[in-house]
Amino acid sequence: RKWKWDGKVATLLLKDGWPYLLSALSVVLYMRIDQLMLARLASVK
């Protein structure tokens, strides 16, 4: 069987998945923000 689109499944995934997305973005933010802040507050070196 081929993969297919299903609007109900999409709604379910987005409804159940948004906490995980926000969590993943927050994880990246606090795991990587130090590097972005280092470049701005200190130096690229």
All heavy atoms as atom14 arrays in JSON, in Angstrom:
{
  "sequence": "RKWKWDGKVATLLLKDGWPYLLSALSVVLYMRIDQLMLARLASVK",
  "atom14_mask": [
    [1, 1, 1, 1, 1, 1, 1, 1, 1, 1, 1, 0, 0, 0],
    [1, 1, 1, 1, 1, 1, 1, 1, 1, 0, 0, 0, 0, 0],
    [1, 1, 1, 1, 1, 1, 1, 1, 1, 1, 1, 1, 1, 1],
    [1, 1, 1, 1, 1, 1, 1, 1, 1, 0, 0, 0, 0, 0],
    [1, 1, 1, 1, 1, 1, 1, 1, 1, 1, 1, 1, 1, 1],
    [1, 1, 1, 1, 1, 1, 1, 1, 0, 0, 0, 0, 0, 0],
    [1, 1, 1, 1, 0, 0, 0, 0, 0, 0, 0, 0, 0, 0],
    [1, 1, 1, 1, 1, 1, 1, 1, 1, 0, 0, 0, 0, 0],
    [1, 1, 1, 1, 1, 1, 1, 0, 0, 0, 0, 0, 0, 0],
    [1, 1, 1, 1, 1, 0, 0, 0, 0, 0, 0, 0, 0, 0],
    [1, 1, 1, 1, 1, 1, 1, 0, 0, 0, 0, 0, 0, 0],
    [1, 1, 1, 1, 1, 1, 1, 1, 0, 0, 0, 0, 0, 0],
    [1, 1, 1, 1, 1, 1, 1, 1, 0, 0, 0, 0, 0, 0],
    [1, 1, 1, 1, 1, 1, 1, 1, 0, 0, 0, 0, 0, 0],
    [1, 1, 1, 1, 1, 1, 1, 1, 1, 0, 0, 0, 0, 0],
    [1, 1, 1, 1, 1, 1, 1, 1, 0, 0, 0, 0, 0, 0],
    [1, 1, 1, 1, 0, 0, 0, 0, 0, 0, 0, 0, 0, 0],
    [1, 1, 1, 1, 1, 1, 1, 1, 1, 1, 1, 1, 1, 1],
    [1, 1, 1, 1, 1, 1, 1, 0, 0, 0, 0, 0, 0, 0],
    [1, 1, 1, 1, 1, 1, 1, 1, 1, 1, 1, 1, 0, 0],
    [1, 1, 1, 1, 1, 1, 1, 1, 0, 0, 0, 0, 0, 0],
    [1, 1, 1, 1, 1, 1, 1, 1, 0, 0, 0, 0, 0, 0],
    [1, 1, 1, 1, 1, 1, 0, 0, 0, 0, 0, 0, 0, 0],
    [1, 1, 1, 1, 1, 0, 0, 0, 0, 0, 0, 0, 0, 0],
    [1, 1, 1, 1, 1, 1, 1, 1, 0, 0, 0, 0, 0, 0],
    [1, 1, 1, 1, 1, 1, 0, 0, 0, 0, 0, 0, 0, 0],
    [1, 1, 1, 1, 1, 1, 1, 0, 0, 0, 0, 0, 0, 0],
    [1, 1, 1, 1, 1, 1, 1, 0, 0, 0, 0, 0, 0, 0],
    [1, 1, 1, 1, 1, 1, 1, 1, 0, 0, 0, 0, 0, 0],
    [1, 1, 1, 1, 1, 1, 1, 1, 1, 1, 1, 1, 0, 0],
    [1, 1, 1, 1, 1, 1, 1, 1, 0, 0, 0, 0, 0, 0],
    [1, 1, 1, 1, 1, 1, 1, 1, 1, 1, 1, 0, 0, 0],
    [1, 1, 1, 1, 1, 1, 1, 1, 0, 0, 0, 0, 0, 0],
    [1, 1, 1, 1, 1, 1, 1, 1, 0, 0, 0, 0, 0, 0],
    [1, 1, 1, 1, 1, 1, 1, 1, 1, 0, 0, 0, 0, 0],
    [1, 1, 1, 1, 1, 1, 1, 1, 0, 0, 0, 0, 0, 0],
    [1, 1, 1, 1, 1, 1, 1, 1, 0, 0, 0, 0, 0, 0],
    [1, 1, 1, 1, 1, 1, 1, 1, 0, 0, 0, 0, 0, 0],
    [1, 1, 1, 1, 1, 0, 0, 0, 0, 0, 0, 0, 0, 0],
    [1, 1, 1, 1, 1, 1, 1, 1, 1, 1, 1, 0, 0, 0],
    [1, 1, 1, 1, 1, 1, 1, 1, 0, 0, 0, 0, 0, 0],
    [1, 1, 1, 1, 1, 0, 0, 0, 0, 0, 0, 0, 0, 0],
    [1, 1, 1, 1, 1, 1, 0, 0, 0, 0, 0, 0, 0, 0],
    [1, 1, 1, 1, 1, 1, 1, 0, 0, 0, 0, 0, 0, 0],
    [1, 1, 1, 1, 1, 1, 1, 1, 1, 0, 0, 0, 0, 0]
  ],
  "atom14_positions": [
    [[0.82, -1.2, 0.0], [0.0, 0.0, 0.0], [0.86, 1.26, 0.0], [1.91, 1.32, 0.62], [-0.92, -0.01, 1.22], [-1.88, -1.19, 1.23], [-2.69, -1.23, 2.52], [-3.53, -0.05, 2.66], [-4.24, 0.22, 3.75], [-4.2, -0.6, 4.78], [-4.98, 1.32, 3.8], [0.0, 0.0, 0.0], [0.0, 0.0, 0.0], [0.0, 0.0, 0.0]],
    [[0.4, 2.28, -0.72], [1.13, 3.53, -0.81], [0.73, 4.47, 0.34], [-0.39, 4.41, 0.85], [0.83, 4.21, -2.16], [1.38, 3.44, -3.35], [1.13, 4.21, -4.64], [1.71, 3.47, -5.84], [1.5, 4.21, -7.11], [0.0, 0.0, 0.0], [0.0, 0.0, 0.0], [0.0, 0.0, 0.0], [0.0, 0.0, 0.0], [0.0, 0.0, 0.0]],
    [[1.65, 5.33, 0.7], [1.36, 6.33, 1.72], [0.31, 7.31, 1.18], [0.32, 7.65, -0.01], [2.62, 7.1, 2.09], [3.68, 6.24, 2.73], [3.65, 4.89, 2.93], [4.93, 6.68, 3.26], [4.79, 4.47, 3.55], [5.6, 5.54, 3.76], [5.55, 7.92, 3.35], [6.86, 5.62, 4.34], [6.8, 8.0, 3.94], [7.45, 6.86, 4.43]],
    [[-0.54, 7.78, 2.07], [-1.64, 8.63, 1.61], [-1.9, 9.75, 2.61], [-1.46, 9.72, 3.76], [-2.9, 7.79, 1.41], [-3.34, 7.04, 2.67], [-4.51, 6.1, 2.4], [-4.92, 5.35, 3.67], [-6.02, 4.42, 3.42], [0.0, 0.0, 0.0], [0.0, 0.0, 0.0], [0.0, 0.0, 0.0], [0.0, 0.0, 0.0], [0.0, 0.0, 0.0]],
    [[-2.63, 10.74, 2.16], [-3.01, 11.87, 3.0], [-4.38, 11.6, 3.63], [-5.29, 11.08, 2.99], [-3.08, 13.15, 2.17], [-3.63, 14.31, 2.93], [-4.91, 14.78, 2.92], [-2.91, 15.13, 3.85], [-5.04, 15.86, 3.77], [-3.83, 16.09, 4.35], [-1.59, 15.16, 4.3], [-3.46, 17.07, 5.28], [-1.22, 16.13, 5.21], [-2.14, 17.07, 5.7]],
    [[-4.48, 11.96, 4.9], [-5.75, 11.83, 5.62], [-5.88, 13.04, 6.53], [-5.08, 13.23, 7.46], [-5.76, 10.53, 6.44], [-7.13, 10.26, 7.06], [-7.76, 11.2, 7.59], [-7.57, 9.09, 7.03], [0.0, 0.0, 0.0], [0.0, 0.0, 0.0], [0.0, 0.0, 0.0], [0.0, 0.0, 0.0], [0.0, 0.0, 0.0], [0.0, 0.0, 0.0]],
    [[-6.88, 13.86, 6.26], [-7.06, 15.1, 7.02], [-7.27, 14.86, 8.51], [-6.77, 15.61, 9.35], [0.0, 0.0, 0.0], [0.0, 0.0, 0.0], [0.0, 0.0, 0.0], [0.0, 0.0, 0.0], [0.0, 0.0, 0.0], [0.0, 0.0, 0.0], [0.0, 0.0, 0.0], [0.0, 0.0, 0.0], [0.0, 0.0, 0.0], [0.0, 0.0, 0.0]],
    [[-8.01, 13.79, 8.86], [-8.25, 13.49, 10.26], [-6.97, 13.09, 10.98], [-6.73, 13.48, 12.13], [-9.29, 12.37, 10.38], [-10.69, 12.77, 9.91], [-11.68, 11.63, 10.09], [-13.08, 12.05, 9.65], [-14.07, 10.93, 9.8], [0.0, 0.0, 0.0], [0.0, 0.0, 0.0], [0.0, 0.0, 0.0], [0.0, 0.0, 0.0], [0.0, 0.0, 0.0]],
    [[-6.16, 12.31, 10.31], [-4.87, 11.9, 10.9], [-3.96, 13.11, 11.07], [-3.27, 13.25, 12.09], [-4.18, 10.83, 10.01], [-2.77, 10.53, 10.53], [-5.01, 9.56, 9.98], [0.0, 0.0, 0.0], [0.0, 0.0, 0.0], [0.0, 0.0, 0.0], [0.0, 0.0, 0.0], [0.0, 0.0, 0.0], [0.0, 0.0, 0.0], [0.0, 0.0, 0.0]],
    [[-3.98, 14.0, 10.08], [-3.16, 15.22, 10.18], [-3.58, 16.06, 11.38], [-2.74, 16.56, 12.15], [-3.28, 16.03, 8.89], [0.0, 0.0, 0.0], [0.0, 0.0, 0.0], [0.0, 0.0, 0.0], [0.0, 0.0, 0.0], [0.0, 0.0, 0.0], [0.0, 0.0, 0.0], [0.0, 0.0, 0.0], [0.0, 0.0, 0.0], [0.0, 0.0, 0.0]],
    [[-4.9, 16.21, 11.54], [-5.42, 16.98, 12.68], [-5.01, 16.33, 14.0], [-4.6, 17.02, 14.95], [-6.95, 17.07, 12.61], [-7.32, 17.67, 11.37], [-7.49, 17.89, 13.76], [0.0, 0.0, 0.0], [0.0, 0.0, 0.0], [0.0, 0.0, 0.0], [0.0, 0.0, 0.0], [0.0, 0.0, 0.0], [0.0, 0.0, 0.0], [0.0, 0.0, 0.0]],
    [[-5.09, 15.0, 14.06], [-4.73, 14.28, 15.28], [-3.24, 14.43, 15.6], [-2.87, 14.69, 16.76], [-5.08, 12.79, 15.11], [-4.76, 11.9, 16.32], [-5.61, 12.3, 17.51], [-4.99, 10.43, 15.96], [0.0, 0.0, 0.0], [0.0, 0.0, 0.0], [0.0, 0.0, 0.0], [0.0, 0.0, 0.0], [0.0, 0.0, 0.0], [0.0, 0.0, 0.0]],
    [[-2.39, 14.3, 14.57], [-0.95, 14.43, 14.79], [-0.57, 15.83, 15.24], [0.26, 16.01, 16.14], [-0.18, 14.07, 13.51], [-0.05, 12.59, 13.17], [0.75, 12.42, 11.88], [0.63, 11.81, 14.3], [0.0, 0.0, 0.0], [0.0, 0.0, 0.0], [0.0, 0.0, 0.0], [0.0, 0.0, 0.0], [0.0, 0.0, 0.0], [0.0, 0.0, 0.0]],
    [[-1.18, 16.82, 14.61], [-0.88, 18.21, 14.99], [-1.41, 18.53, 16.38], [-0.76, 19.24, 17.16], [-1.48, 19.17, 13.96], [-0.84, 19.16, 12.57], [-1.63, 20.04, 11.61], [0.62, 19.61, 12.64], [0.0, 0.0, 0.0], [0.0, 0.0, 0.0], [0.0, 0.0, 0.0], [0.0, 0.0, 0.0], [0.0, 0.0, 0.0], [0.0, 0.0, 0.0]],
    [[-2.58, 17.98, 16.71], [-3.17, 18.22, 18.03], [-2.35, 17.57, 19.13], [-2.06, 18.2, 20.17], [-4.61, 17.68, 18.05], [-5.3, 17.88, 19.39], [-6.71, 17.28, 19.37], [-7.38, 17.41, 20.73], [-8.74, 16.8, 20.74], [0.0, 0.0, 0.0], [0.0, 0.0, 0.0], [0.0, 0.0, 0.0], [0.0, 0.0, 0.0], [0.0, 0.0, 0.0]],
    [[-1.96, 16.3, 18.92], [-1.17, 15.6, 19.93], [0.31, 15.96, 19.88], [1.02, 15.79, 20.87], [-1.31, 14.08, 19.73], [-2.73, 13.58, 20.01], [-3.49, 14.34, 20.65], [-3.05, 12.46, 19.6], [0.0, 0.0, 0.0], [0.0, 0.0, 0.0], [0.0, 0.0, 0.0], [0.0, 0.0, 0.0], [0.0, 0.0, 0.0], [0.0, 0.0, 0.0]],
    [[0.75, 16.46, 18.72], [2.19, 16.65, 18.55], [2.72, 18.03, 18.88], [3.92, 18.2, 19.05], [0.0, 0.0, 0.0], [0.0, 0.0, 0.0], [0.0, 0.0, 0.0], [0.0, 0.0, 0.0], [0.0, 0.0, 0.0], [0.0, 0.0, 0.0], [0.0, 0.0, 0.0], [0.0, 0.0, 0.0], [0.0, 0.0, 0.0], [0.0, 0.0, 0.0]],
    [[1.84, 19.04, 18.98], [2.36, 20.39, 19.2], [3.15, 20.54, 20.5], [4.13, 21.29, 20.53], [1.24, 21.43, 19.11], [0.24, 21.43, 20.23], [-0.95, 20.76, 20.27], [0.34, 22.14, 21.46], [-1.61, 21.0, 21.44], [-0.84, 21.86, 22.21], [1.29, 22.99, 22.02], [-1.07, 22.37, 23.47], [1.06, 23.53, 23.28], [-0.1, 23.22, 23.99]],
    [[2.79, 19.82, 21.59], [3.65, 19.93, 22.78], [5.07, 19.42, 22.52], [6.05, 19.98, 23.02], [2.94, 19.07, 23.83], [1.52, 19.0, 23.36], [1.61, 19.0, 21.88], [0.0, 0.0, 0.0], [0.0, 0.0, 0.0], [0.0, 0.0, 0.0], [0.0, 0.0, 0.0], [0.0, 0.0, 0.0], [0.0, 0.0, 0.0], [0.0, 0.0, 0.0]],
    [[5.18, 18.34, 21.71], [6.48, 17.78, 21.41], [7.3, 18.72, 20.51], [8.52, 18.82, 20.66], [6.33, 16.41, 20.73], [5.66, 15.38, 21.61], [4.3, 15.14, 21.51], [6.39, 14.67, 22.55], [3.67, 14.2, 22.32], [5.78, 13.72, 23.36], [4.43, 13.5, 23.25], [3.81, 12.58, 24.06], [0.0, 0.0, 0.0], [0.0, 0.0, 0.0]],
    [[6.6, 19.43, 19.59], [7.29, 20.38, 18.74], [7.83, 21.55, 19.56], [8.99, 21.93, 19.42], [6.35, 20.9, 17.65], [6.89, 22.05, 16.78], [8.17, 21.63, 16.08], [5.85, 22.51, 15.78], [0.0, 0.0, 0.0], [0.0, 0.0, 0.0], [0.0, 0.0, 0.0], [0.0, 0.0, 0.0], [0.0, 0.0, 0.0], [0.0, 0.0, 0.0]],
    [[6.98, 22.11, 20.41], [7.44, 23.21, 21.26], [8.57, 22.77, 22.17], [9.52, 23.51, 22.42], [6.27, 23.75, 22.09], [5.19, 24.53, 21.33], [4.13, 25.03, 22.3], [5.79, 25.69, 20.56], [0.0, 0.0, 0.0], [0.0, 0.0, 0.0], [0.0, 0.0, 0.0], [0.0, 0.0, 0.0], [0.0, 0.0, 0.0], [0.0, 0.0, 0.0]],
    [[8.47, 21.53, 22.65], [9.54, 20.99, 23.49], [10.84, 20.87, 22.72], [11.9, 21.25, 23.2], [9.12, 19.62, 24.03], [10.2, 19.0, 24.69], [0.0, 0.0, 0.0], [0.0, 0.0, 0.0], [0.0, 0.0, 0.0], [0.0, 0.0, 0.0], [0.0, 0.0, 0.0], [0.0, 0.0, 0.0], [0.0, 0.0, 0.0], [0.0, 0.0, 0.0]],
    [[10.75, 20.34, 21.49], [11.96, 20.16, 20.68], [12.6, 21.51, 20.35], [13.83, 21.65, 20.4], [11.6, 19.43, 19.38], [0.0, 0.0, 0.0], [0.0, 0.0, 0.0], [0.0, 0.0, 0.0], [0.0, 0.0, 0.0], [0.0, 0.0, 0.0], [0.0, 0.0, 0.0], [0.0, 0.0, 0.0], [0.0, 0.0, 0.0], [0.0, 0.0, 0.0]],
    [[11.76, 22.51, 20.03], [12.3, 23.84, 19.74], [12.94, 24.46, 20.98], [13.98, 25.11, 20.89], [11.18, 24.75, 19.22], [10.61, 24.39, 17.84], [9.44, 25.29, 17.5], [11.7, 24.5, 16.77], [0.0, 0.0, 0.0], [0.0, 0.0, 0.0], [0.0, 0.0, 0.0], [0.0, 0.0, 0.0], [0.0, 0.0, 0.0], [0.0, 0.0, 0.0]],
    [[12.31, 24.26, 22.12], [12.87, 24.79, 23.36], [14.18, 24.11, 23.7], [15.13, 24.75, 24.17], [11.87, 24.61, 24.51], [10.7, 25.34, 24.29], [0.0, 0.0, 0.0], [0.0, 0.0, 0.0], [0.0, 0.0, 0.0], [0.0, 0.0, 0.0], [0.0, 0.0, 0.0], [0.0, 0.0, 0.0], [0.0, 0.0, 0.0], [0.0, 0.0, 0.0]],
    [[14.25, 22.81, 23.44], [15.5, 22.07, 23.69], [16.62, 22.61, 22.82], [17.74, 22.86, 23.28], [15.3, 20.56, 23.44], [16.66, 19.85, 23.4], [14.43, 19.95, 24.52], [0.0, 0.0, 0.0], [0.0, 0.0, 0.0], [0.0, 0.0, 0.0], [0.0, 0.0, 0.0], [0.0, 0.0, 0.0], [0.0, 0.0, 0.0], [0.0, 0.0, 0.0]],
    [[16.32, 22.79, 21.52], [17.33, 23.35, 20.62], [17.73, 24.74, 21.07], [18.92, 25.11, 21.04], [16.8, 23.38, 19.17], [17.76, 24.13, 18.26], [16.61, 21.96, 18.66], [0.0, 0.0, 0.0], [0.0, 0.0, 0.0], [0.0, 0.0, 0.0], [0.0, 0.0, 0.0], [0.0, 0.0, 0.0], [0.0, 0.0, 0.0], [0.0, 0.0, 0.0]],
    [[16.74, 25.52, 21.51], [17.01, 26.88, 21.95], [17.98, 26.9, 23.12], [18.98, 27.62, 23.11], [15.7, 27.59, 22.31], [15.8, 29.08, 22.63], [16.3, 29.85, 21.42], [14.46, 29.62, 23.09], [0.0, 0.0, 0.0], [0.0, 0.0, 0.0], [0.0, 0.0, 0.0], [0.0, 0.0, 0.0], [0.0, 0.0, 0.0], [0.0, 0.0, 0.0]],
    [[17.67, 26.1, 24.16], [18.56, 26.17, 25.31], [19.82, 25.31, 25.15], [20.76, 25.43, 25.92], [17.82, 25.88, 26.62], [17.5, 24.45, 26.97], [18.49, 23.53, 27.3], [16.18, 24.02, 27.08], [18.17, 22.25, 27.66], [15.86, 22.74, 27.46], [16.88, 21.85, 27.75], [16.56, 20.57, 28.12], [0.0, 0.0, 0.0], [0.0, 0.0, 0.0]],
    [[19.85, 24.44, 24.12], [21.08, 23.7, 23.84], [22.02, 24.48, 22.92], [23.23, 24.24, 22.91], [20.75, 22.35, 23.2], [20.05, 21.37, 24.13], [21.1, 20.75, 25.45], [22.15, 19.62, 24.55], [0.0, 0.0, 0.0], [0.0, 0.0, 0.0], [0.0, 0.0, 0.0], [0.0, 0.0, 0.0], [0.0, 0.0, 0.0], [0.0, 0.0, 0.0]],
    [[21.45, 25.4, 22.11], [22.26, 26.12, 21.12], [22.33, 27.62, 21.32], [23.14, 28.28, 20.69], [21.7, 25.82, 19.72], [21.86, 24.38, 19.28], [23.28, 24.07, 18.87], [23.42, 22.7, 18.39], [24.45, 22.25, 17.68], [25.44, 23.08, 17.36], [24.5, 21.0, 17.29], [0.0, 0.0, 0.0], [0.0, 0.0, 0.0], [0.0, 0.0, 0.0]],
    [[21.45, 28.15, 22.18], [21.44, 29.61, 22.36], [22.76, 30.11, 22.9], [23.15, 31.26, 22.65], [20.27, 30.03, 23.29], [20.02, 31.54, 23.22], [20.54, 29.6, 24.73], [19.58, 32.03, 21.89], [0.0, 0.0, 0.0], [0.0, 0.0, 0.0], [0.0, 0.0, 0.0], [0.0, 0.0, 0.0], [0.0, 0.0, 0.0], [0.0, 0.0, 0.0]],
    [[23.46, 29.25, 23.66], [24.76, 29.68, 24.19], [25.74, 30.02, 23.08], [26.5, 30.98, 23.18], [25.34, 28.6, 25.11], [25.34, 27.21, 24.48], [24.88, 27.08, 23.32], [25.77, 26.26, 25.15], [0.0, 0.0, 0.0], [0.0, 0.0, 0.0], [0.0, 0.0, 0.0], [0.0, 0.0, 0.0], [0.0, 0.0, 0.0], [0.0, 0.0, 0.0]],
    [[25.68, 29.26, 21.98], [26.6, 29.52, 20.87], [26.24, 30.82, 20.15], [27.12, 31.6, 19.78], [26.6, 28.34, 19.91], [27.09, 27.05, 20.56], [27.2, 25.9, 19.58], [27.78, 26.04, 18.5], [26.63, 24.77, 19.93], [0.0, 0.0, 0.0], [0.0, 0.0, 0.0], [0.0, 0.0, 0.0], [0.0, 0.0, 0.0], [0.0, 0.0, 0.0]],
    [[24.94, 31.05, 19.95], [24.52, 32.29, 19.3], [24.82, 33.5, 20.18], [25.24, 34.56, 19.68], [23.03, 32.22, 18.97], [22.59, 31.08, 18.04], [21.09, 31.12, 17.83], [23.32, 31.14, 16.71], [0.0, 0.0, 0.0], [0.0, 0.0, 0.0], [0.0, 0.0, 0.0], [0.0, 0.0, 0.0], [0.0, 0.0, 0.0], [0.0, 0.0, 0.0]],
    [[24.64, 33.34, 21.48], [24.91, 34.45, 22.4], [26.41, 34.69, 22.56], [26.85, 35.83, 22.76], [24.26, 34.17, 23.76], [22.74, 34.2, 23.72], [21.96, 33.87, 25.32], [22.31, 35.41, 26.19], [0.0, 0.0, 0.0], [0.0, 0.0, 0.0], [0.0, 0.0, 0.0], [0.0, 0.0, 0.0], [0.0, 0.0, 0.0], [0.0, 0.0, 0.0]],
    [[27.21, 33.64, 22.47], [28.67, 33.8, 22.53], [29.17, 34.66, 21.38], [30.04, 35.52, 21.57], [29.35, 32.43, 22.49], [29.8, 31.82, 23.81], [30.35, 30.42, 23.59], [30.86, 32.69, 24.47], [0.0, 0.0, 0.0], [0.0, 0.0, 0.0], [0.0, 0.0, 0.0], [0.0, 0.0, 0.0], [0.0, 0.0, 0.0], [0.0, 0.0, 0.0]],
    [[28.63, 34.41, 20.19], [29.06, 35.19, 19.02], [28.7, 36.67, 19.19], [29.45, 37.55, 18.74], [28.42, 34.63, 17.76], [0.0, 0.0, 0.0], [0.0, 0.0, 0.0], [0.0, 0.0, 0.0], [0.0, 0.0, 0.0], [0.0, 0.0, 0.0], [0.0, 0.0, 0.0], [0.0, 0.0, 0.0], [0.0, 0.0, 0.0], [0.0, 0.0, 0.0]],
    [[27.57, 36.95, 19.85], [27.12, 38.34, 19.99], [27.73, 39.02, 21.22], [28.12, 40.19, 21.16], [25.58, 38.38, 20.06], [25.01, 39.77, 20.19], [23.53, 39.78, 19.88], [23.28, 39.53, 18.46], [23.23, 40.47, 17.54], [23.46, 41.75, 17.84], [22.98, 40.18, 16.29], [0.0, 0.0, 0.0], [0.0, 0.0, 0.0], [0.0, 0.0, 0.0]],
    [[27.79, 38.3, 22.35], [28.25, 38.92, 23.59], [29.76, 38.82, 23.8], [30.32, 39.59, 24.58], [27.54, 38.27, 24.79], [26.02, 38.41, 24.83], [25.45, 37.69, 26.03], [25.61, 39.89, 24.85], [0.0, 0.0, 0.0], [0.0, 0.0, 0.0], [0.0, 0.0, 0.0], [0.0, 0.0, 0.0], [0.0, 0.0, 0.0], [0.0, 0.0, 0.0]],
    [[30.4, 37.88, 23.11], [31.86, 37.73, 23.22], [32.48, 37.95, 21.84], [32.7, 39.08, 21.43], [32.23, 36.37, 23.8], [0.0, 0.0, 0.0], [0.0, 0.0, 0.0], [0.0, 0.0, 0.0], [0.0, 0.0, 0.0], [0.0, 0.0, 0.0], [0.0, 0.0, 0.0], [0.0, 0.0, 0.0], [0.0, 0.0, 0.0], [0.0, 0.0, 0.0]],
    [[32.74, 36.86, 21.12], [33.31, 36.97, 19.77], [33.14, 35.65, 19.05], [32.89, 34.61, 19.66], [34.8, 37.32, 19.85], [35.53, 36.25, 20.45], [0.0, 0.0, 0.0], [0.0, 0.0, 0.0], [0.0, 0.0, 0.0], [0.0, 0.0, 0.0], [0.0, 0.0, 0.0], [0.0, 0.0, 0.0], [0.0, 0.0, 0.0], [0.0, 0.0, 0.0]],
    [[33.27, 35.69, 17.73], [33.19, 34.47, 16.92], [34.34, 33.54, 17.27], [34.19, 32.31, 17.29], [33.2, 34.82, 15.41], [33.25, 33.54, 14.58], [31.97, 35.63, 15.04], [0.0, 0.0, 0.0], [0.0, 0.0, 0.0], [0.0, 0.0, 0.0], [0.0, 0.0, 0.0], [0.0, 0.0, 0.0], [0.0, 0.0, 0.0], [0.0, 0.0, 0.0]],
    [[35.49, 34.09, 17.6], [36.63, 33.26, 17.99], [36.33, 32.52, 19.29], [36.64, 31.32, 19.42], [37.87, 34.14, 18.17], [39.12, 33.35, 18.55], [40.32, 34.27, 18.68], [41.56, 33.46, 19.08], [42.76, 34.34, 19.23], [0.0, 0.0, 0.0], [0.0, 0.0, 0.0], [0.0, 0.0, 0.0], [0.0, 0.0, 0.0], [0.0, 0.0, 0.0]]
  ]
}
